Amino acid sequence: MRTPLGIAALAALLCMAAGCGGNGVPKDGGAASGSASASVPASAPAAGSVAAVSQYDAGPRAAEGPEDEAGSKRGAQLFKDKGCSACHAFGKKLTCPDLAGVTHRRTVAWIENQVMHPDVMVRTDPISHELFAKYMLQMPNQGLTREQVMDVISYFRHMDHEAGEASKQEAGK
C-alpha cells in the first residue's frame, strides 16, 4: 500500500542520492576566480574539526589575515540582513555549525567558496559534504559578491579576535 508520506519520503531519498553523484562542475570545483588555494594540495584538519580534507582548506587560516574594521562592520550588517543568524551563531550551535573559531579552522578560500557556491561545495568538497550530512541543511546561496564575502570573513575574523581577547581577560582574573 502506497501512502503519500511514503512516496514523499522515497522521492526525497532519491533526490538526495542523485545529488551525491557526479559533480557537473569544472575541474577546479567551481572555485571563485582569484582563489589562490584552488590548486593547493589539502592539509591536515585542525583539532576538533571535521576529518575530511579539502583542496580549499590548505594554507594559512583566515584568522591570520589583516584586520579590516570597515569591512567587519559591513560584514556584520550583511550577516544580519541576509538572515545568517537564523542558522548560525558564535559560541553556540543552532541548526548549523557554530561559527566561533571558524577563522582558526578554515582558510579564506574555503569560507569564500562555501558562501559563494554552497551547492557546488556540498557536492565536491569533502568538508562541506560532511557538514551537510551532519546538519542535514543546505546553506542557501545568498548571491553575495566576492567583496561582500570578504567583508563577512572580516566580520568572522573580528568575532574570533574578540572571543580570543575575552578569553585572555578571563584567564587573567
N, C-alpha and C. Protein backbone atom coordinates (compact mmCIF):
# COMPACT_ATOMS: atom_id res chain seq x y z
N MET A 1 0.84 -1.17 0.00
CA MET A 1 0.00 0.00 0.00
C MET A 1 0.89 1.24 0.00
N ARG A 2 0.64 2.15 -0.92
CA ARG A 2 1.43 3.37 -1.04
C ARG A 2 0.70 4.52 -0.38
N THR A 3 1.41 5.18 0.51
CA THR A 3 0.83 6.34 1.17
C THR A 3 1.53 7.59 0.66
N PRO A 4 0.87 8.73 0.71
CA PRO A 4 1.53 9.97 0.26
C PRO A 4 2.82 10.25 1.03
N LEU A 5 2.84 9.95 2.32
CA LEU A 5 4.04 10.17 3.12
C LEU A 5 5.17 9.26 2.66
N GLY A 6 4.87 8.01 2.37
CA GLY A 6 5.87 7.05 1.89
C GLY A 6 6.43 7.47 0.54
N ILE A 7 5.57 7.92 -0.34
CA ILE A 7 6.02 8.36 -1.66
C ILE A 7 6.89 9.60 -1.53
N ALA A 8 6.50 10.54 -0.68
CA ALA A 8 7.28 11.76 -0.47
C ALA A 8 8.65 11.42 0.11
N ALA A 9 8.69 10.47 1.06
CA ALA A 9 9.96 10.07 1.67
C ALA A 9 10.87 9.43 0.63
N LEU A 10 10.31 8.58 -0.22
CA LEU A 10 11.08 7.93 -1.27
C LEU A 10 11.61 8.97 -2.26
N ALA A 11 10.77 9.92 -2.63
CA ALA A 11 11.19 10.97 -3.57
C ALA A 11 12.32 11.80 -2.97
N ALA A 12 12.23 12.14 -1.69
CA ALA A 12 13.28 12.92 -1.03
C ALA A 12 14.58 12.12 -0.99
N LEU A 13 14.50 10.84 -0.70
CA LEU A 13 15.68 9.98 -0.65
C LEU A 13 16.34 9.90 -2.02
N LEU A 14 15.54 9.75 -3.07
CA LEU A 14 16.08 9.68 -4.43
C LEU A 14 16.75 11.00 -4.82
N CYS A 15 16.16 12.13 -4.43
CA CYS A 15 16.76 13.44 -4.75
C CYS A 15 18.10 13.60 -4.05
N MET A 16 18.18 13.18 -2.78
CA MET A 16 19.44 13.29 -2.05
C MET A 16 20.49 12.38 -2.67
N ALA A 17 20.11 11.18 -3.04
CA ALA A 17 21.06 10.25 -3.65
C ALA A 17 21.55 10.77 -4.99
N ALA A 18 20.68 11.39 -5.76
CA ALA A 18 21.09 11.94 -7.06
C ALA A 18 22.07 13.08 -6.87
N GLY A 19 21.93 13.86 -5.83
CA GLY A 19 22.83 14.98 -5.57
C GLY A 19 24.21 14.55 -5.13
N CYS A 20 24.38 13.30 -4.70
CA CYS A 20 25.67 12.82 -4.22
C CYS A 20 26.54 12.27 -5.34
N GLY A 21 26.04 12.20 -6.54
CA GLY A 21 26.78 11.60 -7.64
C GLY A 21 27.78 12.53 -8.26
N GLY A 22 27.90 12.50 -9.59
CA GLY A 22 28.84 13.31 -10.34
C GLY A 22 28.69 14.77 -10.02
N ASN A 23 29.79 15.51 -10.24
CA ASN A 23 29.74 16.89 -9.79
C ASN A 23 29.24 17.87 -10.83
N GLY A 24 29.42 17.63 -12.09
CA GLY A 24 28.89 18.51 -13.11
C GLY A 24 29.44 19.93 -13.04
N VAL A 25 30.65 20.10 -12.45
CA VAL A 25 31.26 21.42 -12.37
C VAL A 25 32.65 21.35 -12.96
N PRO A 26 33.26 22.49 -13.22
CA PRO A 26 34.61 22.49 -13.76
C PRO A 26 35.58 21.76 -12.83
N LYS A 27 36.72 21.33 -13.40
CA LYS A 27 37.69 20.56 -12.62
C LYS A 27 38.20 21.31 -11.42
N ASP A 28 38.12 22.64 -11.41
CA ASP A 28 38.58 23.39 -10.24
C ASP A 28 37.56 23.37 -9.12
N GLY A 29 36.44 22.66 -9.29
CA GLY A 29 35.44 22.53 -8.25
C GLY A 29 34.57 23.75 -8.11
N GLY A 30 34.60 24.63 -9.12
CA GLY A 30 33.75 25.82 -9.06
C GLY A 30 34.35 26.91 -8.22
N ALA A 31 35.66 26.91 -8.05
CA ALA A 31 36.31 27.93 -7.24
C ALA A 31 36.10 29.29 -7.86
N ALA A 32 35.96 30.27 -7.02
CA ALA A 32 35.82 31.64 -7.48
C ALA A 32 37.13 32.05 -8.11
N SER A 33 37.06 32.82 -9.18
CA SER A 33 38.28 33.26 -9.82
C SER A 33 39.10 34.06 -8.83
N GLY A 34 40.39 33.82 -8.87
CA GLY A 34 41.27 34.53 -7.97
C GLY A 34 41.51 33.82 -6.66
N SER A 35 40.94 32.65 -6.44
CA SER A 35 41.19 31.91 -5.20
C SER A 35 42.55 31.27 -5.30
N ALA A 36 43.47 31.71 -4.48
CA ALA A 36 44.84 31.23 -4.53
C ALA A 36 44.94 29.77 -4.12
N SER A 37 44.06 29.29 -3.28
CA SER A 37 44.18 27.94 -2.74
C SER A 37 43.56 26.88 -3.62
N ALA A 38 42.97 27.23 -4.75
CA ALA A 38 42.24 26.26 -5.55
C ALA A 38 43.12 25.11 -6.01
N SER A 39 44.43 25.35 -6.27
CA SER A 39 45.28 24.28 -6.76
C SER A 39 46.25 23.77 -5.69
N VAL A 40 46.11 24.22 -4.46
CA VAL A 40 46.99 23.81 -3.39
C VAL A 40 46.53 22.46 -2.85
N PRO A 41 47.45 21.53 -2.61
CA PRO A 41 47.05 20.24 -2.06
C PRO A 41 46.46 20.41 -0.66
N ALA A 42 45.64 19.45 -0.27
CA ALA A 42 44.94 19.51 1.02
C ALA A 42 45.89 19.39 2.18
N SER A 43 45.49 19.96 3.32
CA SER A 43 46.28 19.88 4.54
C SER A 43 45.52 19.09 5.59
N ALA A 44 46.18 18.80 6.67
CA ALA A 44 45.53 18.07 7.76
C ALA A 44 44.52 18.98 8.45
N PRO A 45 43.39 18.44 8.87
CA PRO A 45 42.38 19.26 9.54
C PRO A 45 42.83 19.69 10.91
N ALA A 46 42.31 20.80 11.38
CA ALA A 46 42.61 21.30 12.71
C ALA A 46 41.94 20.41 13.75
N ALA A 47 42.47 20.46 14.96
CA ALA A 47 41.90 19.66 16.04
C ALA A 47 40.45 20.03 16.27
N GLY A 48 39.61 19.04 16.45
CA GLY A 48 38.19 19.27 16.72
C GLY A 48 37.38 19.60 15.48
N SER A 49 37.99 19.52 14.32
CA SER A 49 37.26 19.85 13.10
C SER A 49 36.81 18.58 12.41
N VAL A 50 36.08 18.76 11.32
CA VAL A 50 35.64 17.64 10.51
C VAL A 50 36.87 16.95 9.94
N ALA A 51 36.88 15.65 9.86
CA ALA A 51 38.05 14.88 9.48
C ALA A 51 38.36 14.94 7.98
N ALA A 52 37.44 15.36 7.16
CA ALA A 52 37.66 15.40 5.73
C ALA A 52 38.76 16.39 5.37
N VAL A 53 39.35 16.21 4.18
CA VAL A 53 40.41 17.08 3.69
C VAL A 53 39.91 17.75 2.42
N SER A 54 40.20 19.05 2.30
CA SER A 54 39.70 19.83 1.18
C SER A 54 40.82 20.57 0.46
N GLN A 55 40.72 20.65 -0.86
CA GLN A 55 41.70 21.41 -1.63
C GLN A 55 41.61 22.91 -1.32
N TYR A 56 40.48 23.37 -0.80
CA TYR A 56 40.30 24.78 -0.49
C TYR A 56 40.74 25.13 0.93
N ASP A 57 41.09 24.13 1.72
CA ASP A 57 41.39 24.37 3.12
C ASP A 57 42.87 24.18 3.44
N ALA A 58 43.72 24.32 2.42
CA ALA A 58 45.16 24.23 2.63
C ALA A 58 45.74 25.63 2.79
N GLY A 59 46.70 25.75 3.64
CA GLY A 59 47.35 27.04 3.80
C GLY A 59 46.97 27.75 5.08
N PRO A 60 47.33 29.04 5.14
CA PRO A 60 47.08 29.79 6.36
C PRO A 60 45.60 29.92 6.67
N ARG A 61 45.29 29.91 7.94
CA ARG A 61 43.91 30.08 8.39
C ARG A 61 43.46 31.51 8.16
N ALA A 62 42.17 31.69 8.01
CA ALA A 62 41.60 33.02 7.75
C ALA A 62 41.90 34.00 8.87
N ALA A 63 42.09 33.51 10.09
CA ALA A 63 42.39 34.38 11.23
C ALA A 63 43.70 35.13 11.04
N GLU A 64 44.57 34.59 10.22
CA GLU A 64 45.88 35.20 10.00
C GLU A 64 45.83 36.41 9.08
N GLY A 65 44.66 36.71 8.52
CA GLY A 65 44.52 37.85 7.63
C GLY A 65 44.49 39.16 8.37
N PRO A 66 44.56 40.25 7.62
CA PRO A 66 44.58 41.58 8.24
C PRO A 66 43.22 41.97 8.81
N GLU A 67 43.25 42.80 9.84
CA GLU A 67 42.02 43.36 10.40
C GLU A 67 41.48 44.41 9.43
N ASP A 68 40.19 44.47 9.27
CA ASP A 68 39.53 45.45 8.41
C ASP A 68 38.26 45.89 9.14
N GLU A 69 38.37 46.96 9.91
CA GLU A 69 37.25 47.40 10.75
C GLU A 69 36.03 47.77 9.92
N ALA A 70 36.24 48.52 8.83
CA ALA A 70 35.11 48.92 7.99
C ALA A 70 34.48 47.70 7.33
N GLY A 71 35.31 46.78 6.84
CA GLY A 71 34.80 45.55 6.23
C GLY A 71 34.05 44.71 7.23
N SER A 72 34.55 44.66 8.46
CA SER A 72 33.89 43.90 9.51
C SER A 72 32.50 44.46 9.80
N LYS A 73 32.37 45.76 9.82
CA LYS A 73 31.06 46.39 10.06
C LYS A 73 30.10 46.08 8.92
N ARG A 74 30.59 46.16 7.68
CA ARG A 74 29.75 45.82 6.53
C ARG A 74 29.36 44.34 6.58
N GLY A 75 30.32 43.47 6.96
CA GLY A 75 30.06 42.04 7.06
C GLY A 75 29.03 41.72 8.13
N ALA A 76 29.11 42.43 9.26
CA ALA A 76 28.13 42.22 10.34
C ALA A 76 26.73 42.59 9.86
N GLN A 77 26.64 43.67 9.10
CA GLN A 77 25.34 44.10 8.57
C GLN A 77 24.81 43.09 7.56
N LEU A 78 25.68 42.58 6.70
CA LEU A 78 25.27 41.55 5.73
C LEU A 78 24.81 40.29 6.46
N PHE A 79 25.54 39.88 7.48
CA PHE A 79 25.18 38.68 8.27
C PHE A 79 23.77 38.85 8.83
N LYS A 80 23.48 40.04 9.31
CA LYS A 80 22.15 40.33 9.86
C LYS A 80 21.10 40.40 8.75
N ASP A 81 21.38 41.18 7.71
CA ASP A 81 20.40 41.41 6.63
C ASP A 81 20.06 40.13 5.86
N LYS A 82 21.02 39.27 5.68
CA LYS A 82 20.80 38.03 4.91
C LYS A 82 20.18 36.92 5.77
N GLY A 83 20.01 37.18 7.05
CA GLY A 83 19.37 36.18 7.93
C GLY A 83 20.27 35.04 8.33
N CYS A 84 21.57 35.23 8.26
CA CYS A 84 22.50 34.16 8.61
C CYS A 84 22.34 33.70 10.06
N SER A 85 21.94 34.64 10.93
CA SER A 85 21.81 34.31 12.35
C SER A 85 20.62 33.38 12.63
N ALA A 86 19.80 33.12 11.64
CA ALA A 86 18.72 32.14 11.82
C ALA A 86 19.29 30.73 11.97
N CYS A 87 20.45 30.49 11.37
CA CYS A 87 21.06 29.17 11.41
C CYS A 87 22.41 29.14 12.14
N HIS A 88 23.14 30.26 12.13
CA HIS A 88 24.48 30.32 12.69
C HIS A 88 24.56 31.28 13.86
N ALA A 89 25.43 30.95 14.83
CA ALA A 89 25.72 31.83 15.95
C ALA A 89 27.20 31.68 16.28
N PHE A 90 27.67 32.51 17.19
CA PHE A 90 29.04 32.45 17.67
C PHE A 90 29.01 31.99 19.12
N GLY A 91 29.59 30.83 19.38
CA GLY A 91 29.63 30.32 20.74
C GLY A 91 28.53 29.35 21.09
N LYS A 92 27.64 29.08 20.14
CA LYS A 92 26.62 28.06 20.36
C LYS A 92 26.14 27.54 19.01
N LYS A 93 25.71 26.29 19.02
CA LYS A 93 25.21 25.66 17.80
C LYS A 93 23.71 25.88 17.73
N LEU A 94 23.26 26.40 16.60
CA LEU A 94 21.82 26.49 16.35
C LEU A 94 21.47 25.30 15.47
N THR A 95 20.95 25.55 14.28
CA THR A 95 20.63 24.45 13.37
C THR A 95 21.80 24.10 12.46
N CYS A 96 22.83 24.94 12.45
CA CYS A 96 24.00 24.73 11.61
C CYS A 96 25.25 24.96 12.45
N PRO A 97 26.44 24.80 11.86
CA PRO A 97 27.66 24.88 12.67
C PRO A 97 27.82 26.20 13.42
N ASP A 98 28.40 26.08 14.62
CA ASP A 98 28.80 27.21 15.43
C ASP A 98 29.95 27.91 14.70
N LEU A 99 29.86 29.21 14.52
CA LEU A 99 30.90 29.93 13.79
C LEU A 99 32.05 30.40 14.68
N ALA A 100 31.96 30.21 15.99
CA ALA A 100 33.07 30.60 16.86
C ALA A 100 34.32 29.83 16.45
N GLY A 101 35.38 30.55 16.18
CA GLY A 101 36.64 29.92 15.80
C GLY A 101 36.74 29.52 14.34
N VAL A 102 35.76 29.85 13.53
CA VAL A 102 35.78 29.41 12.13
C VAL A 102 37.02 29.93 11.39
N THR A 103 37.49 31.13 11.73
CA THR A 103 38.66 31.66 11.03
C THR A 103 39.95 30.97 11.49
N HIS A 104 39.89 30.24 12.59
CA HIS A 104 41.04 29.45 13.03
C HIS A 104 41.00 28.05 12.42
N ARG A 105 39.80 27.60 12.03
CA ARG A 105 39.63 26.26 11.45
C ARG A 105 39.75 26.24 9.94
N ARG A 106 39.38 27.31 9.26
CA ARG A 106 39.27 27.31 7.81
C ARG A 106 40.09 28.44 7.18
N THR A 107 40.38 28.25 5.89
CA THR A 107 41.08 29.27 5.11
C THR A 107 40.08 30.24 4.51
N VAL A 108 40.59 31.37 4.05
CA VAL A 108 39.74 32.34 3.35
C VAL A 108 39.12 31.69 2.12
N ALA A 109 39.93 30.92 1.38
CA ALA A 109 39.42 30.29 0.15
C ALA A 109 38.26 29.34 0.44
N TRP A 110 38.36 28.55 1.52
CA TRP A 110 37.28 27.63 1.84
C TRP A 110 36.02 28.38 2.22
N ILE A 111 36.14 29.38 3.10
CA ILE A 111 34.96 30.14 3.52
C ILE A 111 34.35 30.85 2.32
N GLU A 112 35.18 31.45 1.50
CA GLU A 112 34.70 32.16 0.32
C GLU A 112 33.88 31.23 -0.58
N ASN A 113 34.43 30.07 -0.87
CA ASN A 113 33.72 29.13 -1.74
C ASN A 113 32.46 28.59 -1.09
N GLN A 114 32.50 28.36 0.22
CA GLN A 114 31.33 27.86 0.93
C GLN A 114 30.19 28.87 0.88
N VAL A 115 30.51 30.15 1.01
CA VAL A 115 29.47 31.19 0.99
C VAL A 115 28.99 31.47 -0.44
N MET A 116 29.92 31.53 -1.39
CA MET A 116 29.54 31.89 -2.76
C MET A 116 28.96 30.73 -3.56
N HIS A 117 29.39 29.51 -3.25
CA HIS A 117 28.99 28.33 -4.05
C HIS A 117 28.59 27.16 -3.14
N PRO A 118 27.65 27.35 -2.22
CA PRO A 118 27.34 26.26 -1.27
C PRO A 118 26.83 25.00 -1.95
N ASP A 119 26.10 25.14 -3.04
CA ASP A 119 25.57 23.97 -3.74
C ASP A 119 26.70 23.16 -4.38
N VAL A 120 27.68 23.83 -4.96
CA VAL A 120 28.82 23.15 -5.56
C VAL A 120 29.69 22.53 -4.47
N MET A 121 29.91 23.28 -3.40
CA MET A 121 30.76 22.79 -2.31
C MET A 121 30.20 21.52 -1.68
N VAL A 122 28.90 21.46 -1.46
CA VAL A 122 28.34 20.27 -0.80
C VAL A 122 28.50 19.04 -1.69
N ARG A 123 28.59 19.23 -3.00
CA ARG A 123 28.78 18.10 -3.92
C ARG A 123 30.25 17.74 -4.11
N THR A 124 31.15 18.74 -4.06
CA THR A 124 32.53 18.49 -4.45
C THR A 124 33.55 18.60 -3.34
N ASP A 125 33.22 19.25 -2.24
CA ASP A 125 34.17 19.45 -1.17
C ASP A 125 33.87 18.50 -0.01
N PRO A 126 34.84 17.70 0.40
CA PRO A 126 34.57 16.71 1.45
C PRO A 126 34.17 17.31 2.80
N ILE A 127 34.72 18.46 3.17
CA ILE A 127 34.36 19.08 4.44
C ILE A 127 32.91 19.55 4.38
N SER A 128 32.57 20.25 3.32
CA SER A 128 31.20 20.74 3.15
C SER A 128 30.22 19.57 3.10
N HIS A 129 30.60 18.51 2.41
CA HIS A 129 29.73 17.33 2.31
C HIS A 129 29.49 16.72 3.69
N GLU A 130 30.54 16.61 4.51
CA GLU A 130 30.37 16.07 5.87
C GLU A 130 29.50 16.97 6.73
N LEU A 131 29.67 18.28 6.59
CA LEU A 131 28.83 19.21 7.37
C LEU A 131 27.37 19.07 6.96
N PHE A 132 27.13 18.93 5.66
CA PHE A 132 25.76 18.73 5.18
C PHE A 132 25.18 17.44 5.75
N ALA A 133 25.97 16.38 5.75
CA ALA A 133 25.50 15.10 6.29
C ALA A 133 25.20 15.21 7.79
N LYS A 134 25.99 16.00 8.50
CA LYS A 134 25.80 16.15 9.94
C LYS A 134 24.58 17.01 10.27
N TYR A 135 24.40 18.12 9.57
CA TYR A 135 23.34 19.07 9.91
C TYR A 135 22.09 18.92 9.04
N MET A 136 22.21 18.21 7.93
CA MET A 136 21.09 17.94 7.02
C MET A 136 20.39 19.22 6.53
N LEU A 137 21.14 20.28 6.40
CA LEU A 137 20.62 21.52 5.84
C LEU A 137 21.59 22.05 4.80
N GLN A 138 21.05 22.45 3.66
CA GLN A 138 21.86 23.04 2.60
C GLN A 138 21.90 24.55 2.82
N MET A 139 23.09 25.10 2.92
CA MET A 139 23.22 26.54 3.05
C MET A 139 22.74 27.18 1.75
N PRO A 140 21.89 28.20 1.84
CA PRO A 140 21.42 28.85 0.61
C PRO A 140 22.49 29.76 0.02
N ASN A 141 22.43 29.91 -1.28
CA ASN A 141 23.32 30.86 -1.96
C ASN A 141 22.69 32.23 -1.80
N GLN A 142 23.37 33.11 -1.09
CA GLN A 142 22.84 34.45 -0.81
C GLN A 142 23.13 35.44 -1.92
N GLY A 143 23.86 35.02 -2.95
CA GLY A 143 24.15 35.91 -4.09
C GLY A 143 25.10 37.04 -3.74
N LEU A 144 26.00 36.79 -2.79
CA LEU A 144 26.95 37.83 -2.41
C LEU A 144 28.07 37.93 -3.44
N THR A 145 28.60 39.14 -3.58
CA THR A 145 29.77 39.34 -4.42
C THR A 145 31.00 38.90 -3.65
N ARG A 146 32.12 38.77 -4.33
CA ARG A 146 33.37 38.40 -3.65
C ARG A 146 33.72 39.44 -2.59
N GLU A 147 33.54 40.72 -2.92
CA GLU A 147 33.86 41.78 -1.96
C GLU A 147 32.98 41.67 -0.71
N GLN A 148 31.71 41.36 -0.90
CA GLN A 148 30.82 41.18 0.24
C GLN A 148 31.24 39.98 1.09
N VAL A 149 31.65 38.90 0.44
CA VAL A 149 32.11 37.73 1.17
C VAL A 149 33.36 38.07 1.98
N MET A 150 34.26 38.86 1.40
CA MET A 150 35.46 39.26 2.14
C MET A 150 35.07 40.10 3.37
N ASP A 151 34.02 40.90 3.25
CA ASP A 151 33.52 41.66 4.41
C ASP A 151 32.97 40.72 5.47
N VAL A 152 32.24 39.70 5.07
CA VAL A 152 31.71 38.72 6.03
C VAL A 152 32.86 37.99 6.71
N ILE A 153 33.90 37.63 5.96
CA ILE A 153 35.07 36.97 6.55
C ILE A 153 35.75 37.93 7.53
N SER A 154 35.81 39.22 7.20
CA SER A 154 36.36 40.21 8.15
C SER A 154 35.54 40.24 9.43
N TYR A 155 34.23 40.12 9.30
CA TYR A 155 33.36 40.06 10.48
C TYR A 155 33.65 38.81 11.30
N PHE A 156 33.78 37.66 10.65
CA PHE A 156 34.11 36.42 11.36
C PHE A 156 35.45 36.57 12.09
N ARG A 157 36.45 37.15 11.39
CA ARG A 157 37.77 37.36 11.97
C ARG A 157 37.67 38.26 13.21
N HIS A 158 36.86 39.32 13.11
CA HIS A 158 36.65 40.23 14.23
C HIS A 158 36.02 39.51 15.42
N MET A 159 35.00 38.70 15.14
CA MET A 159 34.32 37.96 16.22
C MET A 159 35.29 36.99 16.90
N ASP A 160 36.12 36.31 16.11
CA ASP A 160 37.09 35.38 16.68
C ASP A 160 38.15 36.13 17.49
N HIS A 161 38.57 37.30 17.00
CA HIS A 161 39.55 38.11 17.72
C HIS A 161 38.97 38.58 19.06
N GLU A 162 37.72 39.04 19.04
CA GLU A 162 37.07 39.48 20.28
C GLU A 162 36.95 38.33 21.27
N ALA A 163 36.60 37.15 20.78
CA ALA A 163 36.47 35.98 21.66
C ALA A 163 37.82 35.62 22.28
N GLY A 164 38.88 35.74 21.49
CA GLY A 164 40.23 35.46 22.00
C GLY A 164 40.65 36.47 23.06
N GLU A 165 40.33 37.73 22.83
CA GLU A 165 40.65 38.77 23.82
C GLU A 165 39.86 38.55 25.11
N ALA A 166 38.59 38.19 24.99
CA ALA A 166 37.77 37.92 26.17
C ALA A 166 38.32 36.74 26.97
N SER A 167 38.81 35.71 26.27
CA SER A 167 39.39 34.54 26.94
C SER A 167 40.64 34.95 27.72
N LYS A 168 41.47 35.79 27.09
CA LYS A 168 42.70 36.24 27.75
C LYS A 168 42.36 37.03 29.01
N GLN A 169 41.36 37.90 28.92
CA GLN A 169 40.98 38.70 30.09
C GLN A 169 40.41 37.82 31.18
N GLU A 170 39.62 36.83 30.81
CA GLU A 170 39.02 35.92 31.78
C GLU A 170 40.12 35.09 32.46
N ALA A 171 41.11 34.65 31.70
CA ALA A 171 42.20 33.85 32.24
C ALA A 171 43.08 34.67 33.18
N GLY A 172 43.16 35.98 32.94
CA GLY A 172 43.99 36.87 33.76
C GLY A 172 43.37 37.25 35.09
N LYS A 173 42.12 36.90 35.32
CA LYS A 173 41.44 37.27 36.57
C LYS A 173 41.83 36.38 37.71
